[in-house]
Amino acid sequence: MNLYWRLIAWGSSTLLIFIVHFWLGRKRRNLDLQLTEFIILALGIGSIVSSWSVVHQVLTSKCVVELMDFDIITLVLGAASVTWVSIREIYNLFK
């Protein structure tokens, strides 16, 4: 996955979740989105996209497999943990 597609995935995901947040906030009469909340949202989605891009590179590149050998498991677990923390922080925005 090249940089162009990662940026499109990051931007469209951020915009989609921002629209969902605005739509749910309108139902609850809570339309206020602070700058810090938007930064948490954008960075969380960016970290999800980049961590799974790393996983994609690990699983498809023979050079990385030869270079890292058993450390690939640690890299995939790190990407999963970054995804988990980011999803949890994004979920906390909707509470």
N, C-alpha and C. Protein backbone atom coordinates (compact mmCIF):
# COMPACT_ATOMS: atom_id res chain seq x y z
N MET A 1 0.85 -1.17 0.00
CA MET A 1 0.00 0.00 0.00
C MET A 1 0.90 1.24 0.00
N ASN A 2 0.78 2.04 -1.03
CA ASN A 2 1.65 3.21 -1.10
C ASN A 2 1.08 4.37 -0.29
N LEU A 3 1.85 5.43 -0.24
CA LEU A 3 1.49 6.57 0.61
C LEU A 3 0.18 7.21 0.18
N TYR A 4 -0.08 7.26 -1.11
CA TYR A 4 -1.30 7.88 -1.63
C TYR A 4 -2.54 7.20 -1.05
N TRP A 5 -2.58 5.89 -1.07
CA TRP A 5 -3.76 5.16 -0.59
C TRP A 5 -3.88 5.24 0.93
N ARG A 6 -2.76 5.30 1.63
CA ARG A 6 -2.83 5.46 3.08
C ARG A 6 -3.41 6.81 3.46
N LEU A 7 -3.02 7.86 2.72
CA LEU A 7 -3.57 9.19 2.99
C LEU A 7 -5.06 9.25 2.68
N ILE A 8 -5.47 8.60 1.61
CA ILE A 8 -6.90 8.57 1.28
C ILE A 8 -7.67 7.81 2.35
N ALA A 9 -7.14 6.68 2.81
CA ALA A 9 -7.82 5.91 3.86
C ALA A 9 -7.89 6.71 5.15
N TRP A 10 -6.81 7.39 5.51
CA TRP A 10 -6.79 8.19 6.74
C TRP A 10 -7.77 9.35 6.65
N GLY A 11 -7.73 10.08 5.56
CA GLY A 11 -8.61 11.24 5.42
C GLY A 11 -10.08 10.87 5.35
N SER A 12 -10.39 9.85 4.57
CA SER A 12 -11.80 9.47 4.45
C SER A 12 -12.34 8.87 5.74
N SER A 13 -11.51 8.11 6.45
CA SER A 13 -11.96 7.56 7.74
C SER A 13 -12.18 8.66 8.76
N THR A 14 -11.28 9.63 8.80
CA THR A 14 -11.44 10.75 9.73
C THR A 14 -12.70 11.53 9.41
N LEU A 15 -12.93 11.79 8.14
CA LEU A 15 -14.13 12.52 7.74
C LEU A 15 -15.39 11.72 8.07
N LEU A 16 -15.38 10.43 7.82
CA LEU A 16 -16.55 9.60 8.10
C LEU A 16 -16.88 9.57 9.59
N ILE A 17 -15.89 9.38 10.44
CA ILE A 17 -16.15 9.34 11.88
C ILE A 17 -16.53 10.72 12.40
N PHE A 18 -15.96 11.79 11.82
CA PHE A 18 -16.36 13.14 12.19
C PHE A 18 -17.83 13.38 11.86
N ILE A 19 -18.28 12.92 10.70
CA ILE A 19 -19.69 13.06 10.32
C ILE A 19 -20.59 12.26 11.24
N VAL A 20 -20.17 11.04 11.59
CA VAL A 20 -20.96 10.22 12.52
C VAL A 20 -21.03 10.89 13.88
N HIS A 21 -19.91 11.45 14.34
CA HIS A 21 -19.89 12.15 15.63
C HIS A 21 -20.84 13.35 15.59
N PHE A 22 -20.82 14.09 14.51
CA PHE A 22 -21.71 15.24 14.36
C PHE A 22 -23.17 14.80 14.33
N TRP A 23 -23.46 13.72 13.61
CA TRP A 23 -24.83 13.23 13.48
C TRP A 23 -25.36 12.71 14.83
N LEU A 24 -24.53 11.95 15.57
CA LEU A 24 -24.95 11.47 16.88
C LEU A 24 -25.08 12.62 17.87
N GLY A 25 -24.21 13.61 17.75
CA GLY A 25 -24.28 14.77 18.64
C GLY A 25 -25.52 15.60 18.39
N ARG A 26 -25.96 15.65 17.15
CA ARG A 26 -27.18 16.39 16.83
C ARG A 26 -28.40 15.73 17.45
N LYS A 27 -28.39 14.42 17.52
CA LYS A 27 -29.51 13.72 18.16
C LYS A 27 -29.53 13.97 19.66
N ARG A 28 -28.34 14.09 20.25
CA ARG A 28 -28.26 14.31 21.70
C ARG A 28 -28.13 15.78 22.07
N ARG A 29 -28.23 16.66 21.09
CA ARG A 29 -28.08 18.11 21.28
C ARG A 29 -26.69 18.48 21.81
N ASN A 30 -25.71 17.68 21.45
CA ASN A 30 -24.34 17.94 21.87
C ASN A 30 -23.47 18.06 20.62
N LEU A 31 -23.46 19.22 19.99
CA LEU A 31 -22.74 19.41 18.74
C LEU A 31 -21.32 19.92 18.95
N ASP A 32 -20.93 20.10 20.18
CA ASP A 32 -19.65 20.71 20.49
C ASP A 32 -18.52 19.70 20.29
N LEU A 33 -17.65 19.95 19.34
CA LEU A 33 -16.45 19.13 19.13
C LEU A 33 -15.24 20.03 19.35
N GLN A 34 -14.51 19.75 20.39
CA GLN A 34 -13.34 20.54 20.73
C GLN A 34 -12.18 20.18 19.81
N LEU A 35 -11.20 21.06 19.75
CA LEU A 35 -10.02 20.81 18.93
C LEU A 35 -9.26 19.58 19.42
N THR A 36 -9.17 19.40 20.72
CA THR A 36 -8.46 18.24 21.24
C THR A 36 -9.16 16.94 20.85
N GLU A 37 -10.49 16.95 20.83
CA GLU A 37 -11.22 15.75 20.42
C GLU A 37 -10.98 15.44 18.95
N PHE A 38 -10.94 16.48 18.11
CA PHE A 38 -10.67 16.26 16.70
C PHE A 38 -9.25 15.74 16.49
N ILE A 39 -8.30 16.24 17.26
CA ILE A 39 -6.92 15.76 17.16
C ILE A 39 -6.83 14.31 17.60
N ILE A 40 -7.52 13.94 18.68
CA ILE A 40 -7.56 12.55 19.12
C ILE A 40 -8.14 11.67 18.03
N LEU A 41 -9.20 12.13 17.40
CA LEU A 41 -9.84 11.38 16.32
C LEU A 41 -8.90 11.21 15.13
N ALA A 42 -8.29 12.28 14.69
CA ALA A 42 -7.41 12.21 13.51
C ALA A 42 -6.17 11.38 13.79
N LEU A 43 -5.56 11.55 14.95
CA LEU A 43 -4.36 10.77 15.27
C LEU A 43 -4.68 9.31 15.51
N GLY A 44 -5.84 9.04 16.11
CA GLY A 44 -6.23 7.65 16.33
C GLY A 44 -6.44 6.91 15.03
N ILE A 45 -7.13 7.54 14.09
CA ILE A 45 -7.35 6.89 12.80
C ILE A 45 -6.05 6.80 12.02
N GLY A 46 -5.22 7.82 12.10
CA GLY A 46 -3.92 7.75 11.44
C GLY A 46 -3.05 6.64 11.97
N SER A 47 -3.09 6.42 13.28
CA SER A 47 -2.28 5.34 13.85
C SER A 47 -2.83 3.97 13.47
N ILE A 48 -4.14 3.85 13.35
CA ILE A 48 -4.73 2.57 12.91
C ILE A 48 -4.30 2.27 11.47
N VAL A 49 -4.42 3.26 10.60
CA VAL A 49 -4.05 3.05 9.20
C VAL A 49 -2.57 2.73 9.07
N SER A 50 -1.71 3.45 9.77
CA SER A 50 -0.28 3.22 9.64
C SER A 50 0.15 1.90 10.27
N SER A 51 -0.46 1.50 11.38
CA SER A 51 -0.06 0.24 11.99
C SER A 51 -0.45 -0.95 11.12
N TRP A 52 -1.62 -0.89 10.51
CA TRP A 52 -2.00 -1.99 9.64
C TRP A 52 -1.31 -1.93 8.29
N SER A 53 -0.79 -0.77 7.92
CA SER A 53 0.07 -0.70 6.74
C SER A 53 1.39 -1.41 7.02
N VAL A 54 1.90 -1.26 8.24
CA VAL A 54 3.12 -1.98 8.63
C VAL A 54 2.87 -3.48 8.59
N VAL A 55 1.72 -3.91 9.10
CA VAL A 55 1.39 -5.34 9.06
C VAL A 55 1.31 -5.83 7.63
N HIS A 56 0.72 -5.04 6.75
CA HIS A 56 0.64 -5.41 5.34
C HIS A 56 2.04 -5.56 4.75
N GLN A 57 2.94 -4.63 5.06
CA GLN A 57 4.31 -4.73 4.57
C GLN A 57 5.02 -5.96 5.10
N VAL A 58 4.78 -6.28 6.36
CA VAL A 58 5.42 -7.45 6.97
C VAL A 58 4.94 -8.74 6.31
N LEU A 59 3.66 -8.81 6.02
CA LEU A 59 3.11 -10.05 5.48
C LEU A 59 3.37 -10.22 3.99
N THR A 60 3.67 -9.15 3.27
CA THR A 60 3.86 -9.27 1.83
C THR A 60 5.30 -9.12 1.37
N SER A 61 6.18 -8.63 2.19
CA SER A 61 7.56 -8.39 1.78
C SER A 61 8.47 -9.53 2.23
N LYS A 62 9.12 -10.16 1.28
CA LYS A 62 10.04 -11.26 1.60
C LYS A 62 11.30 -10.74 2.29
N CYS A 63 11.71 -9.53 1.94
CA CYS A 63 12.91 -8.95 2.56
C CYS A 63 12.70 -8.72 4.06
N VAL A 64 11.52 -8.24 4.41
CA VAL A 64 11.23 -7.99 5.82
C VAL A 64 11.16 -9.31 6.59
N VAL A 65 10.58 -10.33 5.98
CA VAL A 65 10.49 -11.64 6.63
C VAL A 65 11.88 -12.20 6.88
N GLU A 66 12.77 -12.10 5.90
CA GLU A 66 14.14 -12.59 6.07
C GLU A 66 14.90 -11.78 7.11
N LEU A 67 14.67 -10.49 7.14
CA LEU A 67 15.41 -9.61 8.04
C LEU A 67 14.95 -9.77 9.49
N MET A 68 13.63 -9.86 9.71
CA MET A 68 13.11 -9.83 11.08
C MET A 68 12.91 -11.21 11.68
N ASP A 69 12.66 -12.23 10.89
CA ASP A 69 12.46 -13.60 11.32
C ASP A 69 11.36 -13.70 12.39
N PHE A 70 11.70 -13.99 13.63
CA PHE A 70 10.68 -14.18 14.66
C PHE A 70 10.18 -12.88 15.29
N ASP A 71 10.84 -11.78 15.01
CA ASP A 71 10.39 -10.49 15.54
C ASP A 71 9.13 -9.99 14.84
N ILE A 72 8.73 -10.66 13.79
CA ILE A 72 7.50 -10.28 13.08
C ILE A 72 6.30 -10.42 14.00
N ILE A 73 6.30 -11.42 14.86
CA ILE A 73 5.20 -11.62 15.80
C ILE A 73 5.07 -10.41 16.72
N THR A 74 6.19 -9.91 17.19
CA THR A 74 6.19 -8.74 18.05
C THR A 74 5.66 -7.52 17.30
N LEU A 75 6.02 -7.39 16.04
CA LEU A 75 5.56 -6.26 15.24
C LEU A 75 4.05 -6.32 15.01
N VAL A 76 3.52 -7.49 14.74
CA VAL A 76 2.07 -7.64 14.54
C VAL A 76 1.32 -7.40 15.85
N LEU A 77 1.85 -7.90 16.96
CA LEU A 77 1.21 -7.64 18.25
C LEU A 77 1.25 -6.15 18.60
N GLY A 78 2.34 -5.48 18.26
CA GLY A 78 2.42 -4.03 18.48
C GLY A 78 1.38 -3.28 17.66
N ALA A 79 1.19 -3.70 16.41
CA ALA A 79 0.17 -3.06 15.57
C ALA A 79 -1.22 -3.32 16.13
N ALA A 80 -1.46 -4.52 16.63
CA ALA A 80 -2.77 -4.83 17.22
C ALA A 80 -3.00 -4.00 18.48
N SER A 81 -1.96 -3.80 19.29
CA SER A 81 -2.14 -3.02 20.51
C SER A 81 -2.34 -1.53 20.19
N VAL A 82 -1.66 -1.01 19.20
CA VAL A 82 -1.88 0.38 18.79
C VAL A 82 -3.31 0.56 18.29
N THR A 83 -3.78 -0.42 17.53
CA THR A 83 -5.16 -0.37 17.03
C THR A 83 -6.15 -0.41 18.19
N TRP A 84 -5.91 -1.27 19.16
CA TRP A 84 -6.81 -1.39 20.31
C TRP A 84 -6.88 -0.08 21.09
N VAL A 85 -5.75 0.51 21.38
CA VAL A 85 -5.73 1.76 22.14
C VAL A 85 -6.41 2.88 21.35
N SER A 86 -6.16 2.93 20.05
CA SER A 86 -6.76 3.99 19.23
C SER A 86 -8.27 3.83 19.15
N ILE A 87 -8.74 2.62 18.97
CA ILE A 87 -10.18 2.38 18.91
C ILE A 87 -10.83 2.73 20.25
N ARG A 88 -10.17 2.39 21.34
CA ARG A 88 -10.72 2.72 22.66
C ARG A 88 -10.82 4.23 22.87
N GLU A 89 -9.81 4.98 22.42
CA GLU A 89 -9.84 6.43 22.57
C GLU A 89 -10.92 7.05 21.67
N ILE A 90 -11.08 6.53 20.46
CA ILE A 90 -12.12 7.03 19.57
C ILE A 90 -13.50 6.70 20.15
N TYR A 91 -13.63 5.52 20.73
CA TYR A 91 -14.90 5.14 21.35
C TYR A 91 -15.23 6.05 22.53
N ASN A 92 -14.22 6.46 23.28
CA ASN A 92 -14.44 7.35 24.41
C ASN A 92 -14.95 8.73 23.98
N LEU A 93 -14.68 9.11 22.74
CA LEU A 93 -15.22 10.38 22.24
C LEU A 93 -16.74 10.33 22.10
N PHE A 94 -17.27 9.15 21.87
CA PHE A 94 -18.71 9.01 21.63
C PHE A 94 -19.51 8.80 22.90
N LYS A 95 -18.85 8.68 24.03
CA LYS A 95 -19.57 8.48 25.29
C LYS A 95 -20.27 9.74 25.71
